[in-house]
């Protein structure tokens, strides 16, 4: 793995969530360039539109809020956009243009639904923070996830374990991408809600694999 990637090497940071949900789904989208929207992805897209305004900043109670903040890390080889970044006055912070004092950044990601069990949302958020850290030469201890179903903001600590997972996932994504590798089907309950089910055809793929195994074992062998 290179110590630093180039601009042309950068992969979409948003792909982390796809990758942790299903590596085959990630490859179909980011390597084979296939995409199909369903009700769940449409709901998420509409929710993000409500916060995506790259020209919006506001200051309230000492907190500077910026929306649709582009970020990148040449160490991780990732780039993307933070839904919101809040800059809070702090002695451990960084300087902002045309503002006095120091401010500590914290990324905030808006998600439809509620908290997931696979921690993919936390991993994506941590990747955003690591990009901001590289860009601003600072340390960001935590960020927040806001879920549309529960209407709650959840605090996420960027632990060493979470940071290591981001590094490992980004390296694995680059490995797959450089090889043009699309993994075989591994069905799980998430297949039912996947927007690419009609493209992936998980049930059919498993039958094909089973048939090839049968031929190898009973005819060729």
C-alpha atoms as a PDB file:
ATOM      1  CA  UNK A   1       0.000   0.000   0.000  1.00  0.00           C
ATOM      2  CA  UNK A   2       1.442   3.433  -0.896  1.00  0.00           C
ATOM      3  CA  UNK A   3       2.270   5.845   1.900  1.00  0.00           C
ATOM      4  CA  UNK A   4       0.309   8.532   0.070  1.00  0.00           C
ATOM      5  CA  UNK A   5      -2.167   8.380  -2.806  1.00  0.00           C
ATOM      6  CA  UNK A   6      -2.567  10.847  -5.666  1.00  0.00           C
ATOM      7  CA  UNK A   7      -5.661  12.821  -6.669  1.00  0.00           C
ATOM      8  CA  UNK A   8      -6.494  10.215  -9.320  1.00  0.00           C
ATOM      9  CA  UNK A   9      -6.308   7.410  -6.743  1.00  0.00           C
ATOM     10  CA  UNK A  10      -8.924   8.812  -4.361  1.00  0.00           C
ATOM     11  CA  UNK A  11     -11.986   6.613  -3.795  1.00  0.00           C
ATOM     12  CA  UNK A  12     -15.376   7.883  -2.571  1.00  0.00           C
ATOM     13  CA  UNK A  13     -15.450   7.995   1.201  1.00  0.00           C
ATOM     14  CA  UNK A  14     -19.162   7.174   1.121  1.00  0.00           C
ATOM     15  CA  UNK A  15     -18.231   3.736  -0.207  1.00  0.00           C
ATOM     16  CA  UNK A  16     -17.149   2.656   3.277  1.00  0.00           C
ATOM     17  CA  UNK A  17     -20.770   2.120   4.253  1.00  0.00           C
ATOM     18  CA  UNK A  18     -21.414   0.037   1.116  1.00  0.00           C
ATOM     19  CA  UNK A  19     -18.234  -1.956   1.707  1.00  0.00           C
ATOM     20  CA  UNK A  20     -19.101  -2.884   5.292  1.00  0.00           C
ATOM     21  CA  UNK A  21     -22.687  -3.726   4.342  1.00  0.00           C
ATOM     22  CA  UNK A  22     -21.611  -5.960   1.442  1.00  0.00           C
ATOM     23  CA  UNK A  23     -18.297  -6.010  -0.386  1.00  0.00           C
ATOM     24  CA  UNK A  24     -20.010  -7.267  -3.542  1.00  0.00           C
ATOM     25  CA  UNK A  25     -22.447  -4.335  -3.451  1.00  0.00           C
ATOM     26  CA  UNK A  26     -19.511  -1.926  -3.133  1.00  0.00           C
ATOM     27  CA  UNK A  27     -17.742  -3.513  -6.120  1.00  0.00           C
ATOM     28  CA  UNK A  28     -20.877  -3.428  -8.286  1.00  0.00           C
ATOM     29  CA  UNK A  29     -21.264   0.293  -7.568  1.00  0.00           C
ATOM     30  CA  UNK A  30     -17.675   1.532  -7.505  1.00  0.00           C
ATOM     31  CA  UNK A  31     -15.900  -0.876  -9.866  1.00  0.00           C
ATOM     32  CA  UNK A  32     -18.646  -1.934 -12.299  1.00  0.00           C
ATOM     33  CA  UNK A  33     -20.440   1.445 -12.059  1.00  0.00           C
ATOM     34  CA  UNK A  34     -23.890  -0.056 -11.502  1.00  0.00           C
ATOM     35  CA  UNK A  35     -26.554   1.627  -9.402  1.00  0.00           C
ATOM     36  CA  UNK A  36     -30.292   1.300  -8.898  1.00  0.00           C
ATOM     37  CA  UNK A  37     -32.281   3.406  -6.474  1.00  0.00           C
ATOM     38  CA  UNK A  38     -34.990   2.003  -4.213  1.00  0.00           C
ATOM     39  CA  UNK A  39     -37.266   3.559  -1.602  1.00  0.00           C
ATOM     40  CA  UNK A  40     -34.596   3.445   1.104  1.00  0.00           C
ATOM     41  CA  UNK A  41     -31.858   5.089  -0.973  1.00  0.00           C
ATOM     42  CA  UNK A  42     -34.319   7.709  -2.259  1.00  0.00           C
ATOM     43  CA  UNK A  43     -35.309   8.585   1.305  1.00  0.00           C
ATOM     44  CA  UNK A  44     -31.669   8.975   2.285  1.00  0.00           C
ATOM     45  CA  UNK A  45     -30.941  11.144  -0.762  1.00  0.00           C
ATOM     46  CA  UNK A  46     -33.861  13.459   0.019  1.00  0.00           C
ATOM     47  CA  UNK A  47     -32.744  13.753   3.639  1.00  0.00           C
ATOM     48  CA  UNK A  48     -29.234  14.769   2.588  1.00  0.00           C
ATOM     49  CA  UNK A  49     -30.619  17.433   0.244  1.00  0.00           C
ATOM     50  CA  UNK A  50     -32.011  19.208   3.279  1.00  0.00           C
ATOM     51  CA  UNK A  51     -28.516  19.804   4.667  1.00  0.00           C
ATOM     52  CA  UNK A  52     -26.498  20.042   1.433  1.00  0.00           C
ATOM     53  CA  UNK A  53     -25.796  23.739   0.903  1.00  0.00           C
ATOM     54  CA  UNK A  54     -22.099  24.387   0.211  1.00  0.00           C
ATOM     55  CA  UNK A  55     -22.553  28.151   0.577  1.00  0.00           C
ATOM     56  CA  UNK A  56     -24.193  28.012   4.008  1.00  0.00           C
ATOM     57  CA  UNK A  57     -22.416  28.918   7.246  1.00  0.00           C
ATOM     58  CA  UNK A  58     -23.862  30.290  10.436  1.00  0.00           C
ATOM     59  CA  UNK A  59     -22.645  31.164  13.923  1.00  0.00           C
ATOM     60  CA  UNK A  60     -24.793  30.505  16.958  1.00  0.00           C
ATOM     61  CA  UNK A  61     -23.719  30.508  20.614  1.00  0.00           C
ATOM     62  CA  UNK A  62     -20.055  30.447  19.626  1.00  0.00           C
ATOM     63  CA  UNK A  63     -20.477  27.475  17.259  1.00  0.00           C
ATOM     64  CA  UNK A  64     -19.703  27.935  13.556  1.00  0.00           C
ATOM     65  CA  UNK A  65     -21.696  25.550  11.338  1.00  0.00           C
ATOM     66  CA  UNK A  66     -20.606  24.736   7.781  1.00  0.00           C
ATOM     67  CA  UNK A  67     -22.530  22.496   5.383  1.00  0.00           C
ATOM     68  CA  UNK A  68     -21.408  20.260   2.513  1.00  0.00           C
ATOM     69  CA  UNK A  69     -17.721  20.499   3.412  1.00  0.00           C
ATOM     70  CA  UNK A  70     -15.443  18.722   0.882  1.00  0.00           C
ATOM     71  CA  UNK A  71     -12.744  16.597   2.511  1.00  0.00           C
ATOM     72  CA  UNK A  72      -9.916  14.349   1.358  1.00  0.00           C
ATOM     73  CA  UNK A  73      -7.088  12.249   2.741  1.00  0.00           C
ATOM     74  CA  UNK A  74      -4.123  11.332   0.565  1.00  0.00           C
ATOM     75  CA  UNK A  75      -2.920   8.983   3.289  1.00  0.00           C
ATOM     76  CA  UNK A  76      -6.160   6.975   3.231  1.00  0.00           C
ATOM     77  CA  UNK A  77      -6.862   7.594  -0.447  1.00  0.00           C
ATOM     78  CA  UNK A  78     -10.405   8.811   0.207  1.00  0.00           C
ATOM     79  CA  UNK A  79     -12.448  11.898  -0.620  1.00  0.00           C
ATOM     80  CA  UNK A  80     -16.004  12.981   0.037  1.00  0.00           C
ATOM     81  CA  UNK A  81     -18.288  15.575   1.566  1.00  0.00           C
ATOM     82  CA  UNK A  82     -19.246  16.081   5.204  1.00  0.00           C
ATOM     83  CA  UNK A  83     -22.946  16.873   5.619  1.00  0.00           C
ATOM     84  CA  UNK A  84     -22.134  19.322   8.415  1.00  0.00           C
ATOM     85  CA  UNK A  85     -19.019  20.352  10.308  1.00  0.00           C
ATOM     86  CA  UNK A  86     -19.432  22.222  13.580  1.00  0.00           C
ATOM     87  CA  UNK A  87     -16.529  24.365  14.781  1.00  0.00           C
ATOM     88  CA  UNK A  88     -16.689  24.955  18.545  1.00  0.00           C
ATOM     89  CA  UNK A  89     -14.514  27.484  20.341  1.00  0.00           C
ATOM     90  CA  UNK A  90     -11.668  25.549  21.997  1.00  0.00           C
ATOM     91  CA  UNK A  91      -8.071  26.096  23.061  1.00  0.00           C
ATOM     92  CA  UNK A  92      -7.256  22.803  21.289  1.00  0.00           C
ATOM     93  CA  UNK A  93      -8.764  23.970  18.009  1.00  0.00           C
ATOM     94  CA  UNK A  94      -7.564  25.512  14.745  1.00  0.00           C
ATOM     95  CA  UNK A  95      -7.815  28.981  13.274  1.00  0.00           C
ATOM     96  CA  UNK A  96     -10.605  29.790  10.830  1.00  0.00           C
ATOM     97  CA  UNK A  97     -10.370  32.482   8.134  1.00  0.00           C
ATOM     98  CA  UNK A  98     -11.623  35.898   9.232  1.00  0.00           C
ATOM     99  CA  UNK A  99     -12.466  34.694  12.748  1.00  0.00           C
ATOM    100  CA  UNK A 100     -10.759  35.275  16.063  1.00  0.00           C
ATOM    101  CA  UNK A 101      -9.821  32.460  18.406  1.00  0.00           C
ATOM    102  CA  UNK A 102      -9.458  28.720  17.902  1.00  0.00           C
ATOM    103  CA  UNK A 103     -12.165  26.248  16.899  1.00  0.00           C
ATOM    104  CA  UNK A 104     -12.375  22.464  17.247  1.00  0.00           C
ATOM    105  CA  UNK A 105     -14.118  20.766  14.274  1.00  0.00           C
ATOM    106  CA  UNK A 106     -16.614  17.921  14.622  1.00  0.00           C
ATOM    107  CA  UNK A 107     -18.243  16.216  11.619  1.00  0.00           C
ATOM    108  CA  UNK A 108     -21.982  15.490  11.702  1.00  0.00           C
ATOM    109  CA  UNK A 109     -23.553  12.946   9.359  1.00  0.00           C
ATOM    110  CA  UNK A 110     -27.297  12.745   8.691  1.00  0.00           C
ATOM    111  CA  UNK A 111     -28.773   9.271   8.222  1.00  0.00           C
ATOM    112  CA  UNK A 112     -32.244   7.967   7.508  1.00  0.00           C
ATOM    113  CA  UNK A 113     -33.676   5.316   9.830  1.00  0.00           C
ATOM    114  CA  UNK A 114     -32.040   4.496  13.133  1.00  0.00           C
ATOM    115  CA  UNK A 115     -28.742   3.292  14.565  1.00  0.00           C
ATOM    116  CA  UNK A 116     -27.270   0.247  12.778  1.00  0.00           C
ATOM    117  CA  UNK A 117     -25.715  -2.820  14.345  1.00  0.00           C
ATOM    118  CA  UNK A 118     -22.762  -3.071  11.958  1.00  0.00           C
ATOM    119  CA  UNK A 119     -21.150   0.253  12.968  1.00  0.00           C
ATOM    120  CA  UNK A 120     -20.767   1.265   9.314  1.00  0.00           C
ATOM    121  CA  UNK A 121     -22.106   4.749  10.063  1.00  0.00           C
ATOM    122  CA  UNK A 122     -19.525   5.284  12.815  1.00  0.00           C
ATOM    123  CA  UNK A 123     -16.743   4.082  10.509  1.00  0.00           C
ATOM    124  CA  UNK A 124     -17.767   6.463   7.717  1.00  0.00           C
ATOM    125  CA  UNK A 125     -17.962   9.352  10.182  1.00  0.00           C
ATOM    126  CA  UNK A 126     -14.525   8.522  11.581  1.00  0.00           C
ATOM    127  CA  UNK A 127     -13.118   8.539   8.034  1.00  0.00           C
ATOM    128  CA  UNK A 128     -14.527  12.047   7.567  1.00  0.00           C
ATOM    129  CA  UNK A 129     -12.820  13.132  10.787  1.00  0.00           C
ATOM    130  CA  UNK A 130      -9.502  11.613   9.710  1.00  0.00           C
ATOM    131  CA  UNK A 131      -9.740  13.528   6.431  1.00  0.00           C
ATOM    132  CA  UNK A 132     -10.401  16.764   8.336  1.00  0.00           C
ATOM    133  CA  UNK A 133      -7.508  16.037  10.675  1.00  0.00           C
ATOM    134  CA  UNK A 134      -5.124  15.642   7.741  1.00  0.00           C
ATOM    135  CA  UNK A 135      -6.407  18.817   6.074  1.00  0.00           C
ATOM    136  CA  UNK A 136      -6.380  20.974   9.214  1.00  0.00           C
ATOM    137  CA  UNK A 137      -3.415  19.414  11.059  1.00  0.00           C
ATOM    138  CA  UNK A 138      -5.433  18.801  14.186  1.00  0.00           C
ATOM    139  CA  UNK A 139      -6.934  16.011  16.297  1.00  0.00           C
ATOM    140  CA  UNK A 140     -10.694  15.447  16.356  1.00  0.00           C
ATOM    141  CA  UNK A 141     -11.845  13.312  19.300  1.00  0.00           C
ATOM    142  CA  UNK A 142     -15.502  12.869  18.379  1.00  0.00           C
ATOM    143  CA  UNK A 143     -18.333  13.564  15.955  1.00  0.00           C
ATOM    144  CA  UNK A 144     -22.075  12.992  15.730  1.00  0.00           C
ATOM    145  CA  UNK A 145     -24.662  10.960  13.815  1.00  0.00           C
ATOM    146  CA  UNK A 146     -28.196  12.290  13.433  1.00  0.00           C
ATOM    147  CA  UNK A 147     -30.886   9.711  12.626  1.00  0.00           C
ATOM    148  CA  UNK A 148     -34.077  10.756  10.856  1.00  0.00           C
ATOM    149  CA  UNK A 149     -36.282   8.084  12.426  1.00  0.00           C
ATOM    150  CA  UNK A 150     -35.324   8.705  16.045  1.00  0.00           C
ATOM    151  CA  UNK A 151     -34.586  12.444  15.582  1.00  0.00           C
ATOM    152  CA  UNK A 152     -31.631  12.017  17.903  1.00  0.00           C
ATOM    153  CA  UNK A 153     -27.994  13.031  17.711  1.00  0.00           C
ATOM    154  CA  UNK A 154     -25.606  10.259  18.757  1.00  0.00           C
ATOM    155  CA  UNK A 155     -22.067  11.050  19.909  1.00  0.00           C
ATOM    156  CA  UNK A 156     -19.299   8.931  18.379  1.00  0.00           C
ATOM    157  CA  UNK A 157     -15.839   8.726  19.948  1.00  0.00           C
ATOM    158  CA  UNK A 158     -13.081   8.235  17.399  1.00  0.00           C
ATOM    159  CA  UNK A 159     -11.231   5.465  19.215  1.00  0.00           C
ATOM    160  CA  UNK A 160      -7.987   3.823  18.120  1.00  0.00           C
ATOM    161  CA  UNK A 161     -10.000   0.721  17.213  1.00  0.00           C
ATOM    162  CA  UNK A 162     -12.324   2.716  14.954  1.00  0.00           C
ATOM    163  CA  UNK A 163      -9.414   4.560  13.319  1.00  0.00           C
ATOM    164  CA  UNK A 164      -7.628   1.265  12.651  1.00  0.00           C
ATOM    165  CA  UNK A 165     -10.790  -0.115  11.040  1.00  0.00           C
ATOM    166  CA  UNK A 166     -10.948   2.924   8.726  1.00  0.00           C
ATOM    167  CA  UNK A 167      -7.328   2.348   7.680  1.00  0.00           C
ATOM    168  CA  UNK A 168      -7.890  -1.379   7.079  1.00  0.00           C
ATOM    169  CA  UNK A 169     -11.111  -0.837   5.119  1.00  0.00           C
ATOM    170  CA  UNK A 170      -9.615   1.885   2.913  1.00  0.00           C
ATOM    171  CA  UNK A 171      -6.614  -0.350   2.130  1.00  0.00           C
ATOM    172  CA  UNK A 172      -8.908  -3.273   1.256  1.00  0.00           C
ATOM    173  CA  UNK A 173     -11.077  -1.066  -0.953  1.00  0.00           C
ATOM    174  CA  UNK A 174      -8.014   0.125  -2.871  1.00  0.00           C
ATOM    175  CA  UNK A 175      -6.824  -3.465  -3.234  1.00  0.00           C
ATOM    176  CA  UNK A 176     -10.155  -4.538  -4.754  1.00  0.00           C
ATOM    177  CA  UNK A 177     -10.307  -1.464  -6.985  1.00  0.00           C
ATOM    178  CA  UNK A 178      -6.780  -1.854  -8.353  1.00  0.00           C
ATOM    179  CA  UNK A 179      -7.509  -5.508  -9.190  1.00  0.00           C
ATOM    180  CA  UNK A 180     -10.971  -4.802 -10.583  1.00  0.00           C
ATOM    181  CA  UNK A 181     -12.198  -7.522  -8.257  1.00  0.00           C
ATOM    182  CA  UNK A 182     -15.927  -8.137  -7.619  1.00  0.00           C
ATOM    183  CA  UNK A 183     -16.477 -10.693  -4.825  1.00  0.00           C
ATOM    184  CA  UNK A 184     -18.836 -13.617  -5.240  1.00  0.00           C
ATOM    185  CA  UNK A 185     -22.254 -13.661  -3.614  1.00  0.00           C
ATOM    186  CA  UNK A 186     -22.559 -14.212   0.123  1.00  0.00           C
ATOM    187  CA  UNK A 187     -26.254 -13.949   0.884  1.00  0.00           C
ATOM    188  CA  UNK A 188     -27.463 -12.407   4.128  1.00  0.00           C
ATOM    189  CA  UNK A 189     -30.664 -10.816   5.397  1.00  0.00           C
ATOM    190  CA  UNK A 190     -29.624  -7.416   4.038  1.00  0.00           C
ATOM    191  CA  UNK A 191     -30.025  -8.763   0.470  1.00  0.00           C
ATOM    192  CA  UNK A 192     -33.789  -8.245   0.729  1.00  0.00           C
ATOM    193  CA  UNK A 193     -33.456  -4.460   1.100  1.00  0.00           C
ATOM    194  CA  UNK A 194     -30.482  -4.003  -1.238  1.00  0.00           C
ATOM    195  CA  UNK A 195     -31.134  -1.669  -4.165  1.00  0.00           C
ATOM    196  CA  UNK A 196     -28.895  -3.849  -6.373  1.00  0.00           C
ATOM    197  CA  UNK A 197     -30.702  -7.150  -5.740  1.00  0.00           C
ATOM    198  CA  UNK A 198     -31.997  -7.265  -9.335  1.00  0.00           C
ATOM    199  CA  UNK A 199     -28.479  -6.711 -10.648  1.00  0.00           C
ATOM    200  CA  UNK A 200     -26.626  -8.903  -8.167  1.00  0.00           C
ATOM    201  CA  UNK A 201     -29.205 -11.742  -8.343  1.00  0.00           C
ATOM    202  CA  UNK A 202     -27.937 -13.380  -5.146  1.00  0.00           C
ATOM    203  CA  UNK A 203     -30.262 -16.409  -5.283  1.00  0.00           C
ATOM    204  CA  UNK A 204     -29.440 -17.129  -8.938  1.00  0.00           C
ATOM    205  CA  UNK A 205     -25.729 -16.656  -8.323  1.00  0.00           C
ATOM    206  CA  UNK A 206     -25.787 -19.168  -5.495  1.00  0.00           C
ATOM    207  CA  UNK A 207     -27.525 -21.666  -7.767  1.00  0.00           C
ATOM    208  CA  UNK A 208     -24.856 -21.131 -10.432  1.00  0.00           C
ATOM    209  CA  UNK A 209     -22.113 -21.707  -7.879  1.00  0.00           C
ATOM    210  CA  UNK A 210     -23.878 -24.818  -6.613  1.00  0.00           C
ATOM    211  CA  UNK A 211     -24.263 -26.139 -10.182  1.00  0.00           C
ATOM    212  CA  UNK A 212     -20.600 -25.584 -11.006  1.00  0.00           C
ATOM    213  CA  UNK A 213     -19.639 -27.374  -7.790  1.00  0.00           C
ATOM    214  CA  UNK A 214     -21.924 -30.293  -8.723  1.00  0.00           C
ATOM    215  CA  UNK A 215     -20.351 -30.591 -12.183  1.00  0.00           C
ATOM    216  CA  UNK A 216     -16.856 -30.510 -10.764  1.00  0.00           C
ATOM    217  CA  UNK A 217     -17.599 -33.110  -8.118  1.00  0.00           C
ATOM    218  CA  UNK A 218     -19.788 -35.503 -10.120  1.00  0.00           C
ATOM    219  CA  UNK A 219     -18.751 -35.195 -13.747  1.00  0.00           C
ATOM    220  CA  UNK A 220     -15.235 -33.858 -13.984  1.00  0.00           C
ATOM    221  CA  UNK A 221     -14.030 -35.705 -10.909  1.00  0.00           C
END
